[in-house]
Amino acid sequence: MIKSLILERKEFEGRRFLGIFNQNHLRILEEYLKTDFGSHKRKSRPFVGYYFGKWFYVCLLTTLERDQTKRVDLNLCDKKGCNFNFQKTSYIFYDRKNKGFYLYQLPKDLIKGYSFCGYCKDLEHIDKLQAI
C-alpha cells in the first residue's frame, strides 16, 4: 500500500526503479503485448521501470547474453526491497516475436502488486530503446 502511494507521487515520476514481475504478471503482459516473455517456464522476471504521465515504461531483464546484447549494470540499483538473486550485470531482454530490444509502454494501472526492489541511478540509456 505504501509503495503504491509513493510511486503515484509526482516527484517520483520518471525515476527508474528495479522490480520483479511474477509469473501471473508475465502472463498478463504477454497477452496484452502479444509476445512471449517465458511465463510458461519462469516464476518471475526482473525489470527496470518508471512511470511517466499515464504510462508505465518497462524494460525486461535477463541473465542471458546474446549477440548485440545491451547491458544493464544492476550495481546502480538499490536491491533491498526484494528477495531475488540478482547478478551484477543483467541484459535487456530480446523479444523474439517482435525481433528486438524494447521499452514496453503500458497503461499505468495494467499491472499492480509487482515487487519493488529499489530505485536506480544512471540508467537513462534504456530510454533510447524503441518503445512499443
C-alpha atoms as a PDB file:
ATOM      1  CA  MET A   1       0.000   0.000   0.000  1.00  0.00           C
ATOM      2  CA  ILE A   2       2.732   2.478   0.968  1.00  0.00           C
ATOM      3  CA  LYS A   3       4.716   1.512  -2.134  1.00  0.00           C
ATOM      4  CA  SER A   4       1.816   2.343  -4.444  1.00  0.00           C
ATOM      5  CA  LEU A   5       1.244   5.665  -2.679  1.00  0.00           C
ATOM      6  CA  ILE A   6       4.904   6.592  -3.068  1.00  0.00           C
ATOM      7  CA  LEU A   7       5.008   5.610  -6.745  1.00  0.00           C
ATOM      8  CA  GLU A   8       1.961   7.757  -7.514  1.00  0.00           C
ATOM      9  CA  ARG A   9       3.538  10.938  -6.089  1.00  0.00           C
ATOM     10  CA  LYS A  10       4.533  13.411  -8.793  1.00  0.00           C
ATOM     11  CA  GLU A  11       8.101  13.956  -7.532  1.00  0.00           C
ATOM     12  CA  PHE A  12       8.908  10.283  -8.179  1.00  0.00           C
ATOM     13  CA  GLU A  13       7.529  10.265 -11.707  1.00  0.00           C
ATOM     14  CA  GLY A  14      10.238   9.410 -14.217  1.00  0.00           C
ATOM     15  CA  ARG A  15      12.512   7.896 -11.572  1.00  0.00           C
ATOM     16  CA  ARG A  16      13.819   4.487 -12.659  1.00  0.00           C
ATOM     17  CA  PHE A  17      13.431   1.540 -10.306  1.00  0.00           C
ATOM     18  CA  LEU A  18      14.195  -2.155 -10.206  1.00  0.00           C
ATOM     19  CA  GLY A  19      11.281  -4.543  -9.815  1.00  0.00           C
ATOM     20  CA  ILE A  20      10.158  -8.108 -10.349  1.00  0.00           C
ATOM     21  CA  PHE A  21       7.087  -9.380 -12.168  1.00  0.00           C
ATOM     22  CA  ASN A  22       5.754 -12.736 -11.011  1.00  0.00           C
ATOM     23  CA  GLN A  23       4.500 -15.416 -13.390  1.00  0.00           C
ATOM     24  CA  ASN A  24       0.917 -14.082 -13.378  1.00  0.00           C
ATOM     25  CA  HIS A  25       2.147 -10.573 -14.248  1.00  0.00           C
ATOM     26  CA  LEU A  26       4.211 -12.004 -17.116  1.00  0.00           C
ATOM     27  CA  ARG A  27       1.134 -13.764 -18.498  1.00  0.00           C
ATOM     28  CA  ILE A  28      -0.847 -10.516 -18.387  1.00  0.00           C
ATOM     29  CA  LEU A  29       1.973  -8.718 -20.218  1.00  0.00           C
ATOM     30  CA  GLU A  30       2.296 -11.480 -22.814  1.00  0.00           C
ATOM     31  CA  GLU A  31      -1.407 -11.339 -23.540  1.00  0.00           C
ATOM     32  CA  TYR A  32      -1.503  -7.533 -23.676  1.00  0.00           C
ATOM     33  CA  LEU A  33       1.615  -7.209 -25.860  1.00  0.00           C
ATOM     34  CA  LYS A  34       1.029 -10.425 -27.857  1.00  0.00           C
ATOM     35  CA  THR A  35       4.548 -11.737 -27.287  1.00  0.00           C
ATOM     36  CA  ASP A  36       6.420 -14.342 -25.220  1.00  0.00           C
ATOM     37  CA  PHE A  37       8.329 -13.484 -22.047  1.00  0.00           C
ATOM     38  CA  GLY A  38       8.767 -17.101 -20.940  1.00  0.00           C
ATOM     39  CA  SER A  39       5.912 -17.240 -18.425  1.00  0.00           C
ATOM     40  CA  HIS A  40       5.412 -20.941 -19.191  1.00  0.00           C
ATOM     41  CA  LYS A  41       8.864 -21.775 -17.748  1.00  0.00           C
ATOM     42  CA  ARG A  42       9.696 -18.936 -15.310  1.00  0.00           C
ATOM     43  CA  LYS A  43       8.313 -17.939 -11.954  1.00  0.00           C
ATOM     44  CA  SER A  44       9.442 -14.327 -12.310  1.00  0.00           C
ATOM     45  CA  ARG A  45      11.384 -11.806 -14.398  1.00  0.00           C
ATOM     46  CA  PRO A  46      13.195  -8.650 -13.224  1.00  0.00           C
ATOM     47  CA  PHE A  47      12.693  -5.303 -14.911  1.00  0.00           C
ATOM     48  CA  VAL A  48      13.687  -1.665 -14.775  1.00  0.00           C
ATOM     49  CA  GLY A  49      10.673   0.600 -14.973  1.00  0.00           C
ATOM     50  CA  TYR A  50       9.364   4.085 -14.429  1.00  0.00           C
ATOM     51  CA  TYR A  51       6.109   5.990 -14.553  1.00  0.00           C
ATOM     52  CA  PHE A  52       5.545   8.980 -16.807  1.00  0.00           C
ATOM     53  CA  GLY A  53       2.133  10.574 -17.205  1.00  0.00           C
ATOM     54  CA  LYS A  54      -0.452   7.869 -17.746  1.00  0.00           C
ATOM     55  CA  TRP A  55       2.181   5.305 -18.798  1.00  0.00           C
ATOM     56  CA  PHE A  56       4.321   2.680 -17.093  1.00  0.00           C
ATOM     57  CA  TYR A  57       7.538   2.064 -19.069  1.00  0.00           C
ATOM     58  CA  VAL A  58       9.166  -1.328 -18.567  1.00  0.00           C
ATOM     59  CA  CYS A  59      12.481  -2.778 -19.724  1.00  0.00           C
ATOM     60  CA  LEU A  60      12.578  -6.524 -19.029  1.00  0.00           C
ATOM     61  CA  LEU A  61      15.879  -8.086 -17.993  1.00  0.00           C
ATOM     62  CA  THR A  62      17.595 -11.437 -18.459  1.00  0.00           C
ATOM     63  CA  THR A  63      20.876 -13.087 -17.466  1.00  0.00           C
ATOM     64  CA  LEU A  64      21.405 -14.427 -20.991  1.00  0.00           C
ATOM     65  CA  GLU A  65      23.920 -12.618 -23.150  1.00  0.00           C
ATOM     66  CA  ARG A  66      23.152 -12.618 -26.878  1.00  0.00           C
ATOM     67  CA  ASP A  67      24.677 -11.042 -29.957  1.00  0.00           C
ATOM     68  CA  GLN A  68      24.289  -7.251 -29.813  1.00  0.00           C
ATOM     69  CA  THR A  69      23.158  -7.566 -26.191  1.00  0.00           C
ATOM     70  CA  LYS A  70      22.601  -4.400 -24.232  1.00  0.00           C
ATOM     71  CA  ARG A  71      23.997  -4.479 -20.698  1.00  0.00           C
ATOM     72  CA  VAL A  72      22.350  -3.098 -17.575  1.00  0.00           C
ATOM     73  CA  ASP A  73      24.589  -2.581 -14.541  1.00  0.00           C
ATOM     74  CA  LEU A  74      22.420  -3.523 -11.564  1.00  0.00           C
ATOM     75  CA  ASN A  75      25.044  -2.161  -9.170  1.00  0.00           C
ATOM     76  CA  LEU A  76      23.357   1.151  -9.976  1.00  0.00           C
ATOM     77  CA  CYS A  77      20.143  -0.064  -8.319  1.00  0.00           C
ATOM     78  CA  ASP A  78      19.111  -0.471  -4.724  1.00  0.00           C
ATOM     79  CA  LYS A  79      18.031  -4.085  -4.221  1.00  0.00           C
ATOM     80  CA  LYS A  80      16.997  -4.011  -0.571  1.00  0.00           C
ATOM     81  CA  GLY A  81      13.268  -4.134  -1.256  1.00  0.00           C
ATOM     82  CA  CYS A  82      13.018  -7.691  -2.600  1.00  0.00           C
ATOM     83  CA  ASN A  83      14.447 -11.142  -2.127  1.00  0.00           C
ATOM     84  CA  PHE A  84      15.942 -12.085  -5.501  1.00  0.00           C
ATOM     85  CA  ASN A  85      19.390 -13.310  -6.552  1.00  0.00           C
ATOM     86  CA  PHE A  86      20.433 -10.522  -8.931  1.00  0.00           C
ATOM     87  CA  GLN A  87      23.616 -10.781 -10.969  1.00  0.00           C
ATOM     88  CA  LYS A  88      25.874  -7.701 -11.092  1.00  0.00           C
ATOM     89  CA  THR A  89      25.146  -7.337 -14.780  1.00  0.00           C
ATOM     90  CA  SER A  90      21.895  -8.147 -16.498  1.00  0.00           C
ATOM     91  CA  TYR A  91      20.957  -7.758 -20.116  1.00  0.00           C
ATOM     92  CA  ILE A  92      17.950  -6.254 -21.809  1.00  0.00           C
ATOM     93  CA  PHE A  93      15.517  -8.983 -22.795  1.00  0.00           C
ATOM     94  CA  TYR A  94      15.455  -9.773 -26.530  1.00  0.00           C
ATOM     95  CA  ASP A  95      11.862 -10.044 -27.758  1.00  0.00           C
ATOM     96  CA  ARG A  96      11.958 -12.901 -30.280  1.00  0.00           C
ATOM     97  CA  LYS A  97       8.445 -12.312 -31.621  1.00  0.00           C
ATOM     98  CA  ASN A  98       8.982  -8.599 -32.240  1.00  0.00           C
ATOM     99  CA  LYS A  99      12.662  -9.133 -33.089  1.00  0.00           C
ATOM    100  CA  GLY A 100      14.357  -6.523 -30.955  1.00  0.00           C
ATOM    101  CA  PHE A 101      15.132  -4.892 -27.634  1.00  0.00           C
ATOM    102  CA  TYR A 102      12.233  -2.758 -26.411  1.00  0.00           C
ATOM    103  CA  LEU A 103      10.945  -0.424 -23.762  1.00  0.00           C
ATOM    104  CA  TYR A 104       7.341  -1.501 -23.286  1.00  0.00           C
ATOM    105  CA  GLN A 105       4.804   1.300 -22.863  1.00  0.00           C
ATOM    106  CA  LEU A 106       1.953   0.035 -20.692  1.00  0.00           C
ATOM    107  CA  PRO A 107      -1.129   1.682 -19.203  1.00  0.00           C
ATOM    108  CA  LYS A 108      -0.224   2.841 -15.702  1.00  0.00           C
ATOM    109  CA  ASP A 109      -2.738   0.573 -13.991  1.00  0.00           C
ATOM    110  CA  LEU A 110      -2.287  -2.606 -16.098  1.00  0.00           C
ATOM    111  CA  ILE A 111      -0.042  -4.329 -13.526  1.00  0.00           C
ATOM    112  CA  LYS A 112      -0.467  -3.886  -9.783  1.00  0.00           C
ATOM    113  CA  GLY A 113       1.405  -5.578  -6.974  1.00  0.00           C
ATOM    114  CA  TYR A 114       4.790  -6.300  -8.594  1.00  0.00           C
ATOM    115  CA  SER A 115       7.793  -6.488  -6.252  1.00  0.00           C
ATOM    116  CA  PHE A 116       9.520  -3.119  -5.856  1.00  0.00           C
ATOM    117  CA  CYS A 117      13.233  -3.595  -5.127  1.00  0.00           C
ATOM    118  CA  GLY A 118      14.600  -0.051  -5.085  1.00  0.00           C
ATOM    119  CA  TYR A 119      15.481   2.986  -7.144  1.00  0.00           C
ATOM    120  CA  CYS A 120      18.232   3.062  -9.790  1.00  0.00           C
ATOM    121  CA  LYS A 121      20.542   5.822 -10.956  1.00  0.00           C
ATOM    122  CA  ASP A 122      22.252   6.447 -14.286  1.00  0.00           C
ATOM    123  CA  LEU A 123      20.122   4.034 -16.325  1.00  0.00           C
ATOM    124  CA  GLU A 124      18.766   6.601 -18.765  1.00  0.00           C
ATOM    125  CA  HIS A 125      20.255   4.600 -21.654  1.00  0.00           C
ATOM    126  CA  ILE A 126      17.175   2.367 -21.570  1.00  0.00           C
ATOM    127  CA  ASP A 127      15.160   5.375 -22.768  1.00  0.00           C
ATOM    128  CA  LYS A 128      16.957   5.064 -26.129  1.00  0.00           C
ATOM    129  CA  LEU A 129      15.211   1.735 -26.771  1.00  0.00           C
ATOM    130  CA  GLN A 130      12.294   1.758 -29.163  1.00  0.00           C
ATOM    131  CA  ALA A 131       9.058   1.982 -27.186  1.00  0.00           C
ATOM    132  CA  ILE A 132       6.220  -0.328 -28.175  1.00  0.00           C
END
